[in-house]
Amino acid sequence: MSSTAAQENTWSPLQWVGAVVAWLWVVVPFGYGLYQLLIKIPALFG
C-alpha cells in the first residue's frame, strides 16, 4: 500500500466527532431504555 492510500484511510478530527456524536445518539437512549426495563422487570414477576 502506498503512503497516499494510507492517508486516504485516516479520519479527520471532524469525522471522529461526528462518529462519536452518532454513537451517543444511539447508545444514550438505548441505555436509558434498558435501565427503565430493568427497573420494571420485578413488577412483571412480583
PDB file of N, CA and C in Angstrom:
ATOM      1  N   MET A   1       0.859  -1.185   0.000  1.00  0.00           N
ATOM      2  CA  MET A   1       0.000   0.000   0.000  1.00  0.00           C
ATOM      3  C   MET A   1       0.893   1.231   0.000  1.00  0.00           C
ATOM      4  N   SER A   2       0.553   2.182  -0.823  1.00  0.00           N
ATOM      5  CA  SER A   2       1.352   3.396  -0.900  1.00  0.00           C
ATOM      6  C   SER A   2       0.982   4.345   0.232  1.00  0.00           C
ATOM      7  N   SER A   3       1.800   5.365   0.424  1.00  0.00           N
ATOM      8  CA  SER A   3       1.545   6.306   1.513  1.00  0.00           C
ATOM      9  C   SER A   3       0.290   7.133   1.257  1.00  0.00           C
ATOM     10  N   THR A   4      -0.044   7.393  -0.010  1.00  0.00           N
ATOM     11  CA  THR A   4      -1.258   8.169  -0.284  1.00  0.00           C
ATOM     12  C   THR A   4      -2.508   7.363   0.050  1.00  0.00           C
ATOM     13  N   ALA A   5      -2.482   6.059  -0.174  1.00  0.00           N
ATOM     14  CA  ALA A   5      -3.633   5.220   0.163  1.00  0.00           C
ATOM     15  C   ALA A   5      -3.808   5.168   1.681  1.00  0.00           C
ATOM     16  N   ALA A   6      -2.720   5.140   2.415  1.00  0.00           N
ATOM     17  CA  ALA A   6      -2.815   5.124   3.877  1.00  0.00           C
ATOM     18  C   ALA A   6      -3.377   6.450   4.379  1.00  0.00           C
ATOM     19  N   GLN A   7      -3.026   7.540   3.745  1.00  0.00           N
ATOM     20  CA  GLN A   7      -3.530   8.846   4.165  1.00  0.00           C
ATOM     21  C   GLN A   7      -5.023   8.982   3.866  1.00  0.00           C
ATOM     22  N   GLU A   8      -5.496   8.340   2.810  1.00  0.00           N
ATOM     23  CA  GLU A   8      -6.911   8.418   2.462  1.00  0.00           C
ATOM     24  C   GLU A   8      -7.785   7.676   3.471  1.00  0.00           C
ATOM     25  N   ASN A   9      -7.226   6.711   4.185  1.00  0.00           N
ATOM     26  CA  ASN A   9      -7.994   5.926   5.135  1.00  0.00           C
ATOM     27  C   ASN A   9      -8.033   6.547   6.527  1.00  0.00           C
ATOM     28  N   THR A  10      -7.326   7.633   6.746  1.00  0.00           N
ATOM     29  CA  THR A  10      -7.336   8.252   8.068  1.00  0.00           C
ATOM     30  C   THR A  10      -8.523   9.197   8.185  1.00  0.00           C
ATOM     31  N   TRP A  11      -9.038   9.308   9.383  1.00  0.00           N
ATOM     32  CA  TRP A  11     -10.185  10.177   9.635  1.00  0.00           C
ATOM     33  C   TRP A  11      -9.722  11.523  10.123  1.00  0.00           C
ATOM     34  N   SER A  12     -10.420  12.561   9.705  1.00  0.00           N
ATOM     35  CA  SER A  12     -10.138  13.897  10.211  1.00  0.00           C
ATOM     36  C   SER A  12     -10.776  14.037  11.594  1.00  0.00           C
ATOM     37  N   PRO A  13     -10.334  15.008  12.386  1.00  0.00           N
ATOM     38  CA  PRO A  13     -10.952  15.209  13.710  1.00  0.00           C
ATOM     39  C   PRO A  13     -12.461  15.452  13.632  1.00  0.00           C
ATOM     40  N   LEU A  14     -12.919  16.123  12.582  1.00  0.00           N
ATOM     41  CA  LEU A  14     -14.353  16.370  12.430  1.00  0.00           C
ATOM     42  C   LEU A  14     -15.114  15.064  12.201  1.00  0.00           C
ATOM     43  N   GLN A  15     -14.535  14.141  11.466  1.00  0.00           N
ATOM     44  CA  GLN A  15     -15.179  12.850  11.253  1.00  0.00           C
ATOM     45  C   GLN A  15     -15.246  12.055  12.557  1.00  0.00           C
ATOM     46  N   TRP A  16     -14.199  12.140  13.380  1.00  0.00           N
ATOM     47  CA  TRP A  16     -14.216  11.463  14.684  1.00  0.00           C
ATOM     48  C   TRP A  16     -15.316  12.035  15.563  1.00  0.00           C
ATOM     49  N   VAL A  17     -15.461  13.354  15.588  1.00  0.00           N
ATOM     50  CA  VAL A  17     -16.511  13.992  16.391  1.00  0.00           C
ATOM     51  C   VAL A  17     -17.881  13.541  15.897  1.00  0.00           C
ATOM     52  N   GLY A  18     -18.065  13.502  14.599  1.00  0.00           N
ATOM     53  CA  GLY A  18     -19.339  13.052  14.037  1.00  0.00           C
ATOM     54  C   GLY A  18     -19.648  11.609  14.399  1.00  0.00           C
ATOM     55  N   ALA A  19     -18.641  10.745  14.356  1.00  0.00           N
ATOM     56  CA  ALA A  19     -18.845   9.339  14.712  1.00  0.00           C
ATOM     57  C   ALA A  19     -19.198   9.199  16.183  1.00  0.00           C
ATOM     58  N   VAL A  20     -18.541   9.945  17.048  1.00  0.00           N
ATOM     59  CA  VAL A  20     -18.832   9.884  18.483  1.00  0.00           C
ATOM     60  C   VAL A  20     -20.247  10.389  18.759  1.00  0.00           C
ATOM     61  N   VAL A  21     -20.629  11.491  18.131  1.00  0.00           N
ATOM     62  CA  VAL A  21     -21.978  12.032  18.324  1.00  0.00           C
ATOM     63  C   VAL A  21     -23.024  11.035  17.825  1.00  0.00           C
ATOM     64  N   ALA A  22     -22.767  10.402  16.695  1.00  0.00           N
ATOM     65  CA  ALA A  22     -23.724   9.427  16.154  1.00  0.00           C
ATOM     66  C   ALA A  22     -23.877   8.241  17.100  1.00  0.00           C
ATOM     67  N   TRP A  23     -22.768   7.742  17.650  1.00  0.00           N
ATOM     68  CA  TRP A  23     -22.849   6.630  18.593  1.00  0.00           C
ATOM     69  C   TRP A  23     -23.579   7.050  19.862  1.00  0.00           C
ATOM     70  N   LEU A  24     -23.315   8.244  20.361  1.00  0.00           N
ATOM     71  CA  LEU A  24     -24.009   8.709  21.562  1.00  0.00           C
ATOM     72  C   LEU A  24     -25.505   8.855  21.302  1.00  0.00           C
ATOM     73  N   TRP A  25     -25.870   9.285  20.087  1.00  0.00           N
ATOM     74  CA  TRP A  25     -27.262   9.457  19.705  1.00  0.00           C
ATOM     75  C   TRP A  25     -28.010   8.124  19.808  1.00  0.00           C
ATOM     76  N   VAL A  26     -27.308   7.022  19.600  1.00  0.00           N
ATOM     77  CA  VAL A  26     -27.912   5.698  19.664  1.00  0.00           C
ATOM     78  C   VAL A  26     -27.785   5.097  21.063  1.00  0.00           C
ATOM     79  N   VAL A  27     -26.607   5.197  21.662  1.00  0.00           N
ATOM     80  CA  VAL A  27     -26.313   4.492  22.908  1.00  0.00           C
ATOM     81  C   VAL A  27     -27.037   5.104  24.103  1.00  0.00           C
ATOM     82  N   VAL A  28     -27.150   6.416  24.175  1.00  0.00           N
ATOM     83  CA  VAL A  28     -27.779   7.051  25.345  1.00  0.00           C
ATOM     84  C   VAL A  28     -29.258   6.661  25.458  1.00  0.00           C
ATOM     85  N   PRO A  29     -30.079   6.792  24.419  1.00  0.00           N
ATOM     86  CA  PRO A  29     -31.478   6.349  24.557  1.00  0.00           C
ATOM     87  C   PRO A  29     -31.595   4.844  24.795  1.00  0.00           C
ATOM     88  N   PHE A  30     -30.736   4.060  24.153  1.00  0.00           N
ATOM     89  CA  PHE A  30     -30.777   2.614  24.361  1.00  0.00           C
ATOM     90  C   PHE A  30     -30.443   2.272  25.812  1.00  0.00           C
ATOM     91  N   GLY A  31     -29.430   2.922  26.365  1.00  0.00           N
ATOM     92  CA  GLY A  31     -29.068   2.690  27.762  1.00  0.00           C
ATOM     93  C   GLY A  31     -30.174   3.104  28.711  1.00  0.00           C
ATOM     94  N   TYR A  32     -30.815   4.216  28.440  1.00  0.00           N
ATOM     95  CA  TYR A  32     -31.924   4.678  29.276  1.00  0.00           C
ATOM     96  C   TYR A  32     -33.091   3.687  29.213  1.00  0.00           C
ATOM     97  N   GLY A  33     -33.412   3.223  28.026  1.00  0.00           N
ATOM     98  CA  GLY A  33     -34.493   2.251  27.878  1.00  0.00           C
ATOM     99  C   GLY A  33     -34.175   0.946  28.586  1.00  0.00           C
ATOM    100  N   LEU A  34     -32.947   0.498  28.484  1.00  0.00           N
ATOM    101  CA  LEU A  34     -32.526  -0.718  29.175  1.00  0.00           C
ATOM    102  C   LEU A  34     -32.609  -0.543  30.686  1.00  0.00           C
ATOM    103  N   TYR A  35     -32.205   0.619  31.173  1.00  0.00           N
ATOM    104  CA  TYR A  35     -32.294   0.935  32.602  1.00  0.00           C
ATOM    105  C   TYR A  35     -33.751   0.905  33.066  1.00  0.00           C
ATOM    106  N   GLN A  36     -34.638   1.520  32.302  1.00  0.00           N
ATOM    107  CA  GLN A  36     -36.057   1.519  32.661  1.00  0.00           C
ATOM    108  C   GLN A  36     -36.633   0.102  32.633  1.00  0.00           C
ATOM    109  N   LEU A  37     -36.213  -0.699  31.679  1.00  0.00           N
ATOM    110  CA  LEU A  37     -36.668  -2.076  31.606  1.00  0.00           C
ATOM    111  C   LEU A  37     -36.238  -2.853  32.843  1.00  0.00           C
ATOM    112  N   LEU A  38     -35.003  -2.695  33.256  1.00  0.00           N
ATOM    113  CA  LEU A  38     -34.503  -3.402  34.432  1.00  0.00           C
ATOM    114  C   LEU A  38     -35.229  -2.977  35.700  1.00  0.00           C
ATOM    115  N   ILE A  39     -35.639  -1.727  35.750  1.00  0.00           N
ATOM    116  CA  ILE A  39     -36.393  -1.243  36.912  1.00  0.00           C
ATOM    117  C   ILE A  39     -37.795  -1.886  36.929  1.00  0.00           C
ATOM    118  N   LYS A  40     -38.402  -2.070  35.762  1.00  0.00           N
ATOM    119  CA  LYS A  40     -39.786  -2.538  35.697  1.00  0.00           C
ATOM    120  C   LYS A  40     -39.934  -4.051  35.672  1.00  0.00           C
ATOM    121  N   ILE A  41     -38.864  -4.788  35.492  1.00  0.00           N
ATOM    122  CA  ILE A  41     -38.949  -6.248  35.450  1.00  0.00           C
ATOM    123  C   ILE A  41     -39.512  -6.836  36.741  1.00  0.00           C
ATOM    124  N   PRO A  42     -39.086  -6.410  37.920  1.00  0.00           N
ATOM    125  CA  PRO A  42     -39.659  -7.001  39.138  1.00  0.00           C
ATOM    126  C   PRO A  42     -41.186  -6.839  39.241  1.00  0.00           C
ATOM    127  N   ALA A  43     -41.734  -5.763  38.735  1.00  0.00           N
ATOM    128  CA  ALA A  43     -43.186  -5.563  38.777  1.00  0.00           C
ATOM    129  C   ALA A  43     -43.906  -6.582  37.891  1.00  0.00           C
ATOM    130  N   LEU A  44     -43.261  -7.053  36.860  1.00  0.00           N
ATOM    131  CA  LEU A  44     -43.899  -8.032  35.984  1.00  0.00           C
ATOM    132  C   LEU A  44     -43.997  -9.400  36.646  1.00  0.00           C
ATOM    133  N   PHE A  45     -43.034  -9.738  37.485  1.00  0.00           N
ATOM    134  CA  PHE A  45     -42.997 -11.059  38.095  1.00  0.00           C
ATOM    135  C   PHE A  45     -43.342 -11.040  39.579  1.00  0.00           C
ATOM    136  N   GLY A  46     -43.572  -9.868  40.140  1.00  0.00           N
ATOM    137  CA  GLY A  46     -43.787  -9.767  41.582  1.00  0.00           C
ATOM    138  C   GLY A  46     -45.206  -9.705  42.012  1.00  0.00           C
TER     139      GLY A  46
END
